[in-house]
C-alpha atoms as a PDB file:
ATOM      1  CA  MET A   1       2.383  -1.390 -76.475  1.00  0.00           C
ATOM      2  CA  GLY A   2      -0.809   0.759 -77.152  1.00  0.00           C
ATOM      3  CA  THR A   3      -3.071  -1.569 -74.751  1.00  0.00           C
ATOM      4  CA  ARG A   4      -0.616  -0.945 -72.167  1.00  0.00           C
ATOM      5  CA  VAL A   5      -0.571   2.498 -72.514  1.00  0.00           C
ATOM      6  CA  SER A   6      -4.238   2.820 -72.635  1.00  0.00           C
ATOM      7  CA  VAL A   7      -4.768   0.378 -69.510  1.00  0.00           C
ATOM      8  CA  ALA A   8      -2.193   3.534 -67.308  1.00  0.00           C
ATOM      9  CA  GLU A   9      -3.639   6.067 -68.839  1.00  0.00           C
ATOM     10  CA  THR A  10      -7.321   4.550 -67.622  1.00  0.00           C
ATOM     11  CA  ILE A  11      -5.522   3.658 -64.217  1.00  0.00           C
ATOM     12  CA  VAL A  12      -4.226   7.144 -63.731  1.00  0.00           C
ATOM     13  CA  GLU A  13      -7.137   9.035 -64.823  1.00  0.00           C
ATOM     14  CA  LEU A  14      -9.405   6.761 -62.095  1.00  0.00           C
ATOM     15  CA  SER A  15      -7.266   7.817 -59.534  1.00  0.00           C
ATOM     16  CA  ARG A  16      -7.695  11.513 -60.442  1.00  0.00           C
ATOM     17  CA  ARG A  17     -11.120  10.952 -60.311  1.00  0.00           C
ATOM     18  CA  ILE A  18     -11.363   9.594 -56.626  1.00  0.00           C
ATOM     19  CA  ALA A  19      -9.100  12.101 -55.400  1.00  0.00           C
ATOM     20  CA  LYS A  20     -11.495  15.216 -56.826  1.00  0.00           C
ATOM     21  CA  LEU A  21     -14.063  13.106 -54.954  1.00  0.00           C
ATOM     22  CA  LYS A  22     -12.356  12.872 -51.599  1.00  0.00           C
ATOM     23  CA  ALA A  23     -11.760  16.473 -52.086  1.00  0.00           C
ATOM     24  CA  ARG A  24     -15.301  17.852 -52.852  1.00  0.00           C
ATOM     25  CA  HIS A  25     -16.931  15.403 -50.337  1.00  0.00           C
ATOM     26  CA  ALA A  26     -14.788  14.427 -47.469  1.00  0.00           C
ATOM     27  CA  HIS A  27     -17.543  14.178 -45.493  1.00  0.00           C
ATOM     28  CA  VAL A  28     -18.216  11.322 -47.382  1.00  0.00           C
ATOM     29  CA  SER A  29     -15.163   9.268 -46.616  1.00  0.00           C
ATOM     30  CA  SER A  30     -15.494  10.206 -42.548  1.00  0.00           C
ATOM     31  CA  THR A  31     -19.042   8.558 -43.109  1.00  0.00           C
ATOM     32  CA  LEU A  32     -17.974   5.360 -44.373  1.00  0.00           C
ATOM     33  CA  LEU A  33     -14.666   5.020 -41.905  1.00  0.00           C
ATOM     34  CA  ALA A  34     -17.610   6.247 -38.578  1.00  0.00           C
ATOM     35  CA  VAL A  35     -19.743   3.408 -39.985  1.00  0.00           C
ATOM     36  CA  VAL A  36     -17.000   0.547 -40.235  1.00  0.00           C
ATOM     37  CA  LEU A  37     -15.963   1.407 -36.704  1.00  0.00           C
ATOM     38  CA  VAL A  38     -19.616   0.934 -35.579  1.00  0.00           C
ATOM     39  CA  SER A  39     -19.952  -2.030 -37.077  1.00  0.00           C
ATOM     40  CA  SER A  40     -16.718  -3.205 -35.956  1.00  0.00           C
ATOM     41  CA  ALA A  41     -17.362  -2.634 -32.302  1.00  0.00           C
ATOM     42  CA  VAL A  42     -21.315  -3.574 -32.435  1.00  0.00           C
ATOM     43  CA  LEU A  43     -20.149  -6.996 -34.252  1.00  0.00           C
ATOM     44  CA  SER A  44     -16.638  -7.755 -31.637  1.00  0.00           C
ATOM     45  CA  PRO A  45     -17.063 -10.583 -28.736  1.00  0.00           C
ATOM     46  CA  GLU A  46     -16.260  -7.775 -26.907  1.00  0.00           C
ATOM     47  CA  ALA A  47     -19.544  -5.900 -27.338  1.00  0.00           C
ATOM     48  CA  HIS A  48     -21.475  -7.969 -26.144  1.00  0.00           C
ATOM     49  CA  ALA A  49     -19.601  -9.384 -23.264  1.00  0.00           C
ATOM     50  CA  ASN A  50     -21.530  -9.332 -20.086  1.00  0.00           C
ATOM     51  CA  PRO A  51     -19.776  -6.673 -17.885  1.00  0.00           C
ATOM     52  CA  ARG A  52     -20.810  -8.174 -14.682  1.00  0.00           C
ATOM     53  CA  ARG A  53     -19.623 -11.546 -16.180  1.00  0.00           C
ATOM     54  CA  GLU A  54     -16.239 -13.191 -14.953  1.00  0.00           C
ATOM     55  CA  TRP A  55     -13.771 -15.223 -17.004  1.00  0.00           C
ATOM     56  CA  LEU A  56     -14.366 -18.721 -17.416  1.00  0.00           C
ATOM     57  CA  GLY A  57     -11.763 -20.556 -19.710  1.00  0.00           C
ATOM     58  CA  ALA A  58     -12.748 -22.250 -23.085  1.00  0.00           C
ATOM     59  CA  ARG A  59     -10.898 -25.772 -22.134  1.00  0.00           C
ATOM     60  CA  PRO A  60     -12.062 -27.938 -18.936  1.00  0.00           C
ATOM     61  CA  VAL A  61      -8.369 -27.761 -18.127  1.00  0.00           C
ATOM     62  CA  GLU A  62      -8.378 -24.145 -17.561  1.00  0.00           C
ATOM     63  CA  ARG A  63     -11.575 -24.111 -15.580  1.00  0.00           C
ATOM     64  CA  PRO A  64     -12.178 -23.305 -11.948  1.00  0.00           C
ATOM     65  CA  MET A  65     -14.007 -25.496  -9.608  1.00  0.00           C
ATOM     66  CA  VAL A  66     -16.531 -22.651  -8.773  1.00  0.00           C
ATOM     67  CA  LEU A  67     -18.508 -21.100 -11.671  1.00  0.00           C
ATOM     68  CA  PRO A  68     -17.575 -17.881 -12.069  1.00  0.00           C
ATOM     69  CA  ARG A  69     -19.905 -15.481 -11.018  1.00  0.00           C
ATOM     70  CA  GLY A  70     -22.722 -14.499 -13.876  1.00  0.00           C
ATOM     71  CA  TRP A  71     -22.242 -17.921 -15.028  1.00  0.00           C
ATOM     72  CA  SER A  72     -25.172 -20.686 -15.678  1.00  0.00           C
ATOM     73  CA  GLU A  73     -24.639 -24.148 -15.884  1.00  0.00           C
ATOM     74  CA  ALA A  74     -27.627 -26.864 -16.854  1.00  0.00           C
ATOM     75  CA  ALA A  75     -26.555 -30.580 -17.297  1.00  0.00           C
ATOM     76  CA  VAL A  76     -28.575 -34.021 -17.958  1.00  0.00           C
ATOM     77  CA  GLY A  77     -26.907 -37.011 -17.138  1.00  0.00           C
ATOM     78  CA  TRP A  78     -27.853 -40.694 -17.842  1.00  0.00           C
ATOM     79  CA  ASN A  79     -26.041 -43.782 -15.416  1.00  0.00           C
ATOM     80  CA  HIS A  80     -26.618 -47.502 -16.296  1.00  0.00           C
ATOM     81  CA  HIS A  81     -25.304 -49.723 -14.290  1.00  0.00           C
ATOM     82  CA  ARG A  82     -25.896 -53.919 -14.411  1.00  0.00           C
ATOM     83  CA  ALA A  83     -25.499 -54.965 -10.385  1.00  0.00           C
ATOM     84  CA  ASP A  84     -23.675 -58.486 -10.794  1.00  0.00           C
ATOM     85  CA  GLY A  85     -23.422 -58.755  -7.070  1.00  0.00           C
ATOM     86  CA  GLY A  86     -22.314 -57.102  -4.044  1.00  0.00           C
ATOM     87  CA  PHE A  87     -20.062 -57.934  -0.906  1.00  0.00           C
ATOM     88  CA  ASP A  88     -19.160 -60.121   1.910  1.00  0.00           C
ATOM     89  CA  ALA A  89     -18.166 -59.109   5.622  1.00  0.00           C
ATOM     90  CA  SER A  90     -14.453 -59.156   4.337  1.00  0.00           C
ATOM     91  CA  GLY A  91     -14.563 -56.931   1.141  1.00  0.00           C
ATOM     92  CA  ARG A  92     -14.556 -59.841  -1.347  1.00  0.00           C
ATOM     93  CA  ARG A  93     -16.871 -59.932  -4.297  1.00  0.00           C
ATOM     94  CA  ASP A  94     -20.226 -62.272  -3.807  1.00  0.00           C
ATOM     95  CA  GLU A  95     -21.887 -63.086  -7.083  1.00  0.00           C
ATOM     96  CA  TRP A  96     -25.812 -63.015  -7.456  1.00  0.00           C
ATOM     97  CA  THR A  97     -27.619 -65.499  -9.647  1.00  0.00           C
ATOM     98  CA  ARG A  98     -29.550 -62.836 -11.052  1.00  0.00           C
ATOM     99  CA  PRO A  99     -28.311 -59.172 -11.947  1.00  0.00           C
ATOM    100  CA  MET A 100     -30.342 -55.436 -11.079  1.00  0.00           C
ATOM    101  CA  LEU A 101     -29.905 -53.126 -13.379  1.00  0.00           C
ATOM    102  CA  MET A 102     -30.401 -49.452 -12.503  1.00  0.00           C
ATOM    103  CA  ASP A 103     -30.838 -46.269 -14.930  1.00  0.00           C
ATOM    104  CA  ALA A 104     -30.405 -43.079 -13.634  1.00  0.00           C
ATOM    105  CA  LEU A 105     -31.546 -39.790 -15.136  1.00  0.00           C
ATOM    106  CA  THR A 106     -29.631 -36.450 -13.164  1.00  0.00           C
ATOM    107  CA  THR A 107     -30.576 -33.331 -13.759  1.00  0.00           C
ATOM    108  CA  SER A 108     -28.659 -30.099 -12.060  1.00  0.00           C
ATOM    109  CA  LEU A 109     -28.010 -26.481 -12.305  1.00  0.00           C
ATOM    110  CA  ARG A 110     -25.350 -24.898 -11.123  1.00  0.00           C
ATOM    111  CA  VAL A 111     -25.496 -20.525 -10.911  1.00  0.00           C
ATOM    112  CA  GLY A 112     -22.100 -18.206 -10.356  1.00  0.00           C
ATOM    113  CA  LEU A 113     -24.321 -16.096  -7.334  1.00  0.00           C
ATOM    114  CA  VAL A 114     -21.589 -13.969  -6.630  1.00  0.00           C
ATOM    115  CA  SER A 115     -17.300 -13.942  -7.180  1.00  0.00           C
ATOM    116  CA  ARG A 116     -16.043 -16.866  -5.963  1.00  0.00           C
ATOM    117  CA  VAL A 117     -19.462 -18.321  -4.953  1.00  0.00           C
ATOM    118  CA  GLU A 118     -21.585 -20.617  -6.463  1.00  0.00           C
ATOM    119  CA  VAL A 119     -25.011 -22.530  -5.435  1.00  0.00           C
ATOM    120  CA  PHE A 120     -25.921 -25.608  -7.120  1.00  0.00           C
ATOM    121  CA  ALA A 121     -28.925 -27.930  -7.206  1.00  0.00           C
ATOM    122  CA  SER A 122     -29.252 -31.907  -9.010  1.00  0.00           C
ATOM    123  CA  LEU A 123     -32.325 -34.314  -8.518  1.00  0.00           C
ATOM    124  CA  LYS A 124     -31.688 -38.010  -9.609  1.00  0.00           C
ATOM    125  CA  THR A 125     -34.785 -40.205 -10.532  1.00  0.00           C
ATOM    126  CA  VAL A 126     -34.105 -43.670 -10.636  1.00  0.00           C
ATOM    127  CA  ARG A 127     -35.707 -47.527 -12.031  1.00  0.00           C
ATOM    128  CA  LEU A 128     -34.457 -50.165 -10.634  1.00  0.00           C
ATOM    129  CA  THR A 129     -35.253 -53.835 -12.355  1.00  0.00           C
ATOM    130  CA  ALA A 130     -34.957 -57.347 -10.554  1.00  0.00           C
ATOM    131  CA  ASP A 131     -36.835 -60.575 -10.695  1.00  0.00           C
ATOM    132  CA  ASP A 132     -39.026 -59.130 -13.627  1.00  0.00           C
ATOM    133  CA  GLN A 133     -40.071 -56.263 -11.159  1.00  0.00           C
ATOM    134  CA  SER A 134     -39.164 -52.603 -12.051  1.00  0.00           C
ATOM    135  CA  LEU A 135     -39.648 -49.329  -9.398  1.00  0.00           C
ATOM    136  CA  LEU A 136     -39.440 -46.053 -10.460  1.00  0.00           C
ATOM    137  CA  GLY A 137     -38.659 -43.005  -8.615  1.00  0.00           C
ATOM    138  CA  ILE A 138     -36.967 -40.284  -6.912  1.00  0.00           C
ATOM    139  CA  GLY A 139     -33.876 -41.394  -5.178  1.00  0.00           C
ATOM    140  CA  ALA A 140     -31.949 -38.200  -4.348  1.00  0.00           C
ATOM    141  CA  ALA A 141     -32.656 -33.938  -4.122  1.00  0.00           C
ATOM    142  CA  THR A 142     -29.256 -32.159  -3.189  1.00  0.00           C
ATOM    143  CA  LEU A 143     -28.863 -28.439  -2.579  1.00  0.00           C
ATOM    144  CA  GLY A 144     -25.807 -26.872  -2.039  1.00  0.00           C
ATOM    145  CA  ALA A 145     -23.420 -24.352  -2.351  1.00  0.00           C
ATOM    146  CA  ARG A 146     -19.483 -24.049  -2.940  1.00  0.00           C
ATOM    147  CA  THR A 147     -17.208 -20.988  -2.358  1.00  0.00           C
ATOM    148  CA  GLU A 148     -13.499 -20.693  -3.413  1.00  0.00           C
ATOM    149  CA  LEU A 149     -11.053 -20.342  -0.232  1.00  0.00           C
ATOM    150  CA  TRP A 150      -7.895 -19.349  -2.429  1.00  0.00           C
ATOM    151  CA  ALA A 151      -7.040 -19.448  -5.990  1.00  0.00           C
ATOM    152  CA  SER A 152      -4.110 -18.220  -8.345  1.00  0.00           C
ATOM    153  CA  ALA A 153      -3.871 -17.286 -11.830  1.00  0.00           C
ATOM    154  CA  LEU A 154      -2.764 -19.539 -14.851  1.00  0.00           C
ATOM    155  CA  PRO A 155      -1.301 -21.831 -14.567  1.00  0.00           C
ATOM    156  CA  MET A 156      -4.578 -22.214 -12.006  1.00  0.00           C
ATOM    157  CA  SER A 157      -4.744 -23.782  -8.530  1.00  0.00           C
ATOM    158  CA  SER A 158      -7.626 -23.542  -6.303  1.00  0.00           C
ATOM    159  CA  LEU A 159      -8.949 -24.774  -2.619  1.00  0.00           C
ATOM    160  CA  THR A 160     -12.868 -24.858  -2.396  1.00  0.00           C
ATOM    161  CA  ALA A 161     -15.199 -25.600   0.541  1.00  0.00           C
ATOM    162  CA  GLU A 162     -19.080 -26.798  -0.022  1.00  0.00           C
ATOM    163  CA  MET A 163     -22.235 -27.881   2.079  1.00  0.00           C
ATOM    164  CA  ALA A 164     -24.510 -29.990   0.034  1.00  0.00           C
ATOM    165  CA  TYR A 165     -28.148 -31.266   2.044  1.00  0.00           C
ATOM    166  CA  GLN A 166     -29.784 -33.926   0.809  1.00  0.00           C
ATOM    167  CA  LEU A 167     -33.877 -33.426   1.133  1.00  0.00           C
ATOM    168  CA  PRO A 168     -34.974 -37.137   2.754  1.00  0.00           C
ATOM    169  CA  ILE A 169     -37.222 -38.412   0.200  1.00  0.00           C
ATOM    170  CA  GLY A 170     -36.907 -41.430  -1.720  1.00  0.00           C
ATOM    171  CA  THR A 171     -39.266 -44.409  -2.987  1.00  0.00           C
ATOM    172  CA  ARG A 172     -40.139 -47.148  -1.025  1.00  0.00           C
ATOM    173  CA  MET A 173     -37.166 -46.886   1.675  1.00  0.00           C
ATOM    174  CA  PRO A 174     -35.074 -50.236   2.975  1.00  0.00           C
ATOM    175  CA  SER A 175     -36.170 -51.599   5.690  1.00  0.00           C
ATOM    176  CA  ALA A 176     -34.843 -55.386   5.637  1.00  0.00           C
ATOM    177  CA  THR A 177     -31.806 -56.822   5.066  1.00  0.00           C
ATOM    178  CA  GLN A 178     -30.955 -59.513   2.909  1.00  0.00           C
ATOM    179  CA  SER A 179     -27.174 -60.888   2.019  1.00  0.00           C
ATOM    180  CA  GLY A 180     -28.328 -62.603  -1.346  1.00  0.00           C
ATOM    181  CA  ALA A 181     -29.868 -61.066  -4.893  1.00  0.00           C
ATOM    182  CA  PRO A 182     -32.314 -58.541  -4.918  1.00  0.00           C
ATOM    183  CA  VAL A 183     -35.829 -59.465  -5.718  1.00  0.00           C
ATOM    184  CA  GLY A 184     -38.855 -57.131  -6.846  1.00  0.00           C
ATOM    185  CA  SER A 185     -40.289 -56.697  -3.022  1.00  0.00           C
ATOM    186  CA  ASP A 186     -36.756 -56.007  -1.932  1.00  0.00           C
ATOM    187  CA  LEU A 187     -36.193 -52.749  -4.524  1.00  0.00           C
ATOM    188  CA  ALA A 188     -35.900 -49.534  -2.769  1.00  0.00           C
ATOM    189  CA  VAL A 189     -35.044 -46.014  -4.181  1.00  0.00           C
ATOM    190  CA  GLY A 190     -33.380 -43.377  -1.507  1.00  0.00           C
ATOM    191  CA  THR A 191     -32.316 -43.287   2.127  1.00  0.00           C
ATOM    192  CA  GLY A 192     -35.421 -41.559   2.995  1.00  0.00           C
ATOM    193  CA  ALA A 193     -32.937 -39.477   5.224  1.00  0.00           C
ATOM    194  CA  SER A 194     -31.496 -36.120   5.709  1.00  0.00           C
ATOM    195  CA  GLU A 195     -27.924 -35.943   4.944  1.00  0.00           C
ATOM    196  CA  PHE A 196     -25.088 -33.259   5.199  1.00  0.00           C
ATOM    197  CA  LEU A 197     -22.379 -33.834   2.704  1.00  0.00           C
ATOM    198  CA  PRO A 198     -19.384 -31.626   3.328  1.00  0.00           C
ATOM    199  CA  ALA A 199     -16.044 -31.321   1.162  1.00  0.00           C
ATOM    200  CA  VAL A 200     -12.937 -29.673   0.503  1.00  0.00           C
ATOM    201  CA  ARG A 201     -11.097 -29.904  -2.419  1.00  0.00           C
ATOM    202  CA  PHE A 202      -7.799 -29.154  -4.248  1.00  0.00           C
ATOM    203  CA  ARG A 203      -6.378 -28.530  -7.572  1.00  0.00           C
ATOM    204  CA  ARG A 204      -3.807 -27.936  -9.478  1.00  0.00           C
ATOM    205  CA  GLN A 205      -2.750 -27.321 -13.061  1.00  0.00           C
ATOM    206  CA  PHE A 206      -0.082 -28.275 -14.730  1.00  0.00           C
ATOM    207  CA  GLY A 207       0.400 -27.157 -18.445  1.00  0.00           C
ATOM    208  CA  ALA A 208      -2.206 -29.880 -20.207  1.00  0.00           C
ATOM    209  CA  LEU A 209      -2.664 -31.668 -17.144  1.00  0.00           C
ATOM    210  CA  ARG A 210      -4.886 -30.747 -14.124  1.00  0.00           C
ATOM    211  CA  LEU A 211      -4.355 -32.830 -10.266  1.00  0.00           C
ATOM    212  CA  GLN A 212      -7.510 -32.691  -7.875  1.00  0.00           C
ATOM    213  CA  THR A 213      -8.217 -34.009  -4.593  1.00  0.00           C
ATOM    214  CA  GLY A 214     -10.211 -33.669  -1.762  1.00  0.00           C
ATOM    215  CA  LEU A 215     -11.762 -35.126   1.239  1.00  0.00           C
ATOM    216  CA  PHE A 216     -15.438 -35.609   2.071  1.00  0.00           C
ATOM    217  CA  ALA A 217     -17.858 -36.659   4.385  1.00  0.00           C
ATOM    218  CA  ASP A 218     -21.768 -38.193   4.379  1.00  0.00           C
ATOM    219  CA  VAL A 219     -23.332 -37.608   7.725  1.00  0.00           C
ATOM    220  CA  SER A 220     -27.128 -39.230   7.934  1.00  0.00           C
ATOM    221  CA  LEU A 221     -29.810 -37.959  10.358  1.00  0.00           C
ATOM    222  CA  PRO A 222     -31.669 -40.726  11.798  1.00  0.00           C
ATOM    223  CA  THR A 223     -35.050 -41.243   9.820  1.00  0.00           C
ATOM    224  CA  GLY A 224     -38.420 -41.101  11.527  1.00  0.00           C
ATOM    225  CA  PRO A 225     -40.594 -44.118  11.942  1.00  0.00           C
ATOM    226  CA  ARG A 226     -43.040 -44.491   9.501  1.00  0.00           C
ATOM    227  CA  ALA A 227     -45.852 -46.385   8.961  1.00  0.00           C
ATOM    228  CA  SER A 228     -44.527 -49.838   7.467  1.00  0.00           C
ATOM    229  CA  ASP A 229     -41.145 -49.410   8.812  1.00  0.00           C
ATOM    230  CA  GLY A 230     -39.657 -48.594  12.259  1.00  0.00           C
ATOM    231  CA  ARG A 231     -36.631 -46.277  12.621  1.00  0.00           C
ATOM    232  CA  SER A 232     -33.531 -46.203  10.380  1.00  0.00           C
ATOM    233  CA  ASP A 233     -29.946 -44.409  11.226  1.00  0.00           C
ATOM    234  CA  TRP A 234     -28.154 -44.769   8.303  1.00  0.00           C
ATOM    235  CA  ALA A 235     -24.048 -45.170   8.664  1.00  0.00           C
ATOM    236  CA  ASP A 236     -21.929 -41.999   8.618  1.00  0.00           C
ATOM    237  CA  GLY A 237     -18.832 -41.785   5.938  1.00  0.00           C
ATOM    238  CA  VAL A 238     -15.841 -40.087   5.221  1.00  0.00           C
ATOM    239  CA  GLY A 239     -13.586 -40.404   2.480  1.00  0.00           C
ATOM    240  CA  MET A 240     -11.125 -38.331  -0.085  1.00  0.00           C
ATOM    241  CA  ASP A 241     -10.770 -38.964  -3.714  1.00  0.00           C
ATOM    242  CA  GLY A 242      -8.019 -38.043  -6.267  1.00  0.00           C
ATOM    243  CA  GLY A 243      -8.386 -37.673 -10.326  1.00  0.00           C
ATOM    244  CA  ALA A 244      -6.319 -36.370 -12.944  1.00  0.00           C
ATOM    245  CA  LEU A 245      -7.298 -34.318 -16.353  1.00  0.00           C
ATOM    246  CA  LEU A 246      -4.767 -34.126 -19.576  1.00  0.00           C
ATOM    247  CA  GLN A 247      -6.289 -31.959 -22.492  1.00  0.00           C
ATOM    248  CA  VAL A 248      -5.782 -33.167 -25.556  1.00  0.00           C
ATOM    249  CA  GLY A 249      -7.221 -30.540 -28.253  1.00  0.00           C
ATOM    250  CA  PRO A 250     -11.122 -30.034 -27.620  1.00  0.00           C
ATOM    251  CA  VAL A 251     -11.032 -33.579 -25.941  1.00  0.00           C
ATOM    252  CA  ALA A 252     -10.398 -34.326 -22.066  1.00  0.00           C
ATOM    253  CA  ILE A 253      -9.241 -37.240 -20.651  1.00  0.00           C
ATOM    254  CA  SER A 254     -10.548 -37.839 -17.079  1.00  0.00           C
ATOM    255  CA  THR A 255      -9.802 -40.418 -14.389  1.00  0.00           C
ATOM    256  CA  ARG A 256     -10.711 -40.450 -10.411  1.00  0.00           C
ATOM    257  CA  VAL A 257     -10.777 -42.962  -7.774  1.00  0.00           C
ATOM    258  CA  SER A 258     -12.668 -42.382  -4.766  1.00  0.00           C
ATOM    259  CA  ALA A 259     -12.266 -44.457  -1.292  1.00  0.00           C
ATOM    260  CA  MET A 260     -15.157 -43.839   1.605  1.00  0.00           C
ATOM    261  CA  ARG A 261     -15.382 -45.710   4.869  1.00  0.00           C
ATOM    262  CA  ARG A 262     -18.751 -46.674   6.484  1.00  0.00           C
ATOM    263  CA  GLY A 263     -20.005 -47.772   9.826  1.00  0.00           C
ATOM    264  CA  ASP A 264     -22.654 -50.020  10.725  1.00  0.00           C
ATOM    265  CA  ASP A 265     -26.565 -49.014  10.024  1.00  0.00           C
ATOM    266  CA  ARG A 266     -29.136 -49.306  12.684  1.00  0.00           C
ATOM    267  CA  LEU A 267     -32.581 -50.693  12.597  1.00  0.00           C
ATOM    268  CA  ASP A 268     -35.117 -49.705  15.009  1.00  0.00           C
ATOM    269  CA  GLY A 269     -31.352 -49.801  16.868  1.00  0.00           C
ATOM    270  CA  VAL A 270     -30.271 -52.924  16.466  1.00  0.00           C
ATOM    271  CA  ARG A 271     -27.090 -52.723  14.874  1.00  0.00           C
ATOM    272  CA  VAL A 272     -26.950 -54.155  11.371  1.00  0.00           C
ATOM    273  CA  PRO A 273     -23.134 -55.330  10.458  1.00  0.00           C
ATOM    274  CA  SER A 274     -22.397 -53.500   7.375  1.00  0.00           C
ATOM    275  CA  ALA A 275     -18.985 -51.060   8.287  1.00  0.00           C
ATOM    276  CA  GLY A 276     -16.423 -51.571   5.525  1.00  0.00           C
ATOM    277  CA  TRP A 277     -15.149 -49.715   2.731  1.00  0.00           C
ATOM    278  CA  HIS A 278     -16.281 -48.476  -0.863  1.00  0.00           C
ATOM    279  CA  VAL A 279     -13.556 -48.095  -3.436  1.00  0.00           C
ATOM    280  CA  SER A 280     -14.552 -47.179  -7.058  1.00  0.00           C
ATOM    281  CA  MET A 281     -12.751 -45.791 -10.172  1.00  0.00           C
ATOM    282  CA  ARG A 282     -14.333 -44.098 -13.046  1.00  0.00           C
ATOM    283  CA  GLY A 283     -12.653 -42.493 -16.330  1.00  0.00           C
ATOM    284  CA  GLY A 284     -13.376 -41.582 -19.484  1.00  0.00           C
ATOM    285  CA  ALA A 285     -13.885 -38.269 -21.558  1.00  0.00           C
ATOM    286  CA  ILE A 286     -14.726 -35.043 -22.395  1.00  0.00           C
ATOM    287  CA  VAL A 287     -15.496 -33.462 -25.610  1.00  0.00           C
ATOM    288  CA  SER A 288     -15.968 -29.381 -25.208  1.00  0.00           C
ATOM    289  CA  VAL A 289     -17.922 -28.467 -28.421  1.00  0.00           C
ATOM    290  CA  ASN A 290     -17.341 -25.003 -27.820  1.00  0.00           C
ATOM    291  CA  ARG A 291     -17.051 -23.013 -24.162  1.00  0.00           C
ATOM    292  CA  SER A 292     -20.750 -23.371 -23.456  1.00  0.00           C
ATOM    293  CA  VAL A 293     -21.486 -27.006 -24.326  1.00  0.00           C
ATOM    294  CA  ASP A 294     -19.667 -30.133 -23.048  1.00  0.00           C
ATOM    295  CA  ILE A 295     -20.086 -33.300 -23.829  1.00  0.00           C
ATOM    296  CA  ALA A 296     -19.026 -36.560 -21.166  1.00  0.00           C
ATOM    297  CA  LEU A 297     -18.836 -40.246 -21.538  1.00  0.00           C
ATOM    298  CA  GLU A 298     -17.549 -42.289 -18.713  1.00  0.00           C
ATOM    299  CA  TRP A 299     -17.025 -45.757 -17.197  1.00  0.00           C
ATOM    300  CA  GLN A 300     -17.223 -46.747 -13.355  1.00  0.00           C
ATOM    301  CA  GLN A 301     -16.290 -49.751 -12.017  1.00  0.00           C
ATOM    302  CA  THR A 302     -16.330 -50.839  -8.121  1.00  0.00           C
ATOM    303  CA  PHE A 303     -13.410 -52.558  -6.607  1.00  0.00           C
ATOM    304  CA  LEU A 304     -14.210 -52.757  -2.715  1.00  0.00           C
ATOM    305  CA  GLY A 305     -17.552 -52.361  -1.256  1.00  0.00           C
ATOM    306  CA  ARG A 306     -19.176 -52.838   2.644  1.00  0.00           C
ATOM    307  CA  PRO A 307     -20.735 -55.750   2.934  1.00  0.00           C
ATOM    308  CA  THR A 308     -24.295 -56.180   1.214  1.00  0.00           C
ATOM    309  CA  ARG A 309     -27.252 -56.112   3.165  1.00  0.00           C
ATOM    310  CA  PHE A 310     -29.739 -53.861   1.218  1.00  0.00           C
ATOM    311  CA  SER A 311     -29.191 -55.289  -1.474  1.00  0.00           C
ATOM    312  CA  GLY A 312     -32.285 -53.607  -3.369  1.00  0.00           C
ATOM    313  CA  ALA A 313     -30.914 -50.023  -2.247  1.00  0.00           C
ATOM    314  CA  PRO A 314     -28.019 -49.376  -4.375  1.00  0.00           C
ATOM    315  CA  ASP A 315     -27.364 -45.841  -2.517  1.00  0.00           C
ATOM    316  CA  LEU A 316     -26.723 -47.956   0.597  1.00  0.00           C
ATOM    317  CA  SER A 317     -24.967 -50.972  -0.383  1.00  0.00           C
ATOM    318  CA  PRO A 318     -22.132 -50.290  -3.480  1.00  0.00           C
ATOM    319  CA  THR A 319     -22.154 -53.443  -6.017  1.00  0.00           C
ATOM    320  CA  HIS A 320     -19.994 -54.289  -8.856  1.00  0.00           C
ATOM    321  CA  GLY A 321     -20.193 -54.940 -12.334  1.00  0.00           C
ATOM    322  CA  PRO A 322     -20.106 -52.190 -15.095  1.00  0.00           C
ATOM    323  CA  GLY A 323     -21.360 -49.245 -15.232  1.00  0.00           C
ATOM    324  CA  GLN A 324     -21.614 -46.124 -17.635  1.00  0.00           C
ATOM    325  CA  HIS A 325     -22.247 -42.533 -17.758  1.00  0.00           C
ATOM    326  CA  LEU A 326     -23.513 -40.211 -20.990  1.00  0.00           C
ATOM    327  CA  CYS A 327     -23.532 -36.387 -19.663  1.00  0.00           C
ATOM    328  CA  ALA A 328     -24.404 -33.202 -21.933  1.00  0.00           C
ATOM    329  CA  THR A 329     -23.710 -29.595 -19.911  1.00  0.00           C
ATOM    330  CA  PHE A 330     -24.503 -26.426 -21.261  1.00  0.00           C
ATOM    331  CA  ARG A 331     -23.438 -23.488 -20.077  1.00  0.00           C
ATOM    332  CA  TRP A 332     -24.634 -19.410 -20.699  1.00  0.00           C
END
């Protein structure tokens, strides 16, 4: 009982001393309170928020197609494709006696320029290997802009339009046709033509599910005559695509189907029968480490392609065979 009394008396005496200290030094409590409030404000996320930066969803399912104002995004992607064959005039698979391997490294940059408008650029370096020979070069360099025509709040819906321009570059552009398996001398990286790539896309979110569809085109300008080749007029194309994304925690499962119709190519004014459809599918998963970092792993398969006439030029002639895509994206 004595111990309990002494403890109670000690607590009472301590409380009295604290009360006297507060009464004598009221400014101490005010100062401590001010320090706590200032520290909380400095350390809070709101204090570090850029007033010029618009909202960006933490999950892929909530993100708009146009990068918000004040945000920038850089991505590095690696593609590996084992081409086992092409397609004949009827669109059926045409097996090759030996495969062609393609490895591509793509770097891209997106910048939210102003509200509802972004600019983007990408550069692709390609390495082709066939018949124990390899070719390394720049396959495509693209510049473009994307604008949001209409948008609604969560659940998010948006309609966008974009225009991209592909520079007329490439390493050893194709100049001869071949329906069989490519040899080392047939390898060609890039088309060497100026290409305009317009597109219109619509996206709609339903909770954890997101659907997207779009129309796009590829308008290619004729290439000028070169020392080793003639004048090339690659066929234009029009297509549509559609896809879905399902958010499951930090992982988003996605799939996309694309179909494009192209006409015939022309070499030195001579028509090369190569019109047909190109139908492919890509699917995989996106892991969101946080709002600023995403890791994507996807697989791609081509189901239908136009006739293979430039077997060593994958940008012109679809090829079948397994393909993998790995990409890391960083935002700030």
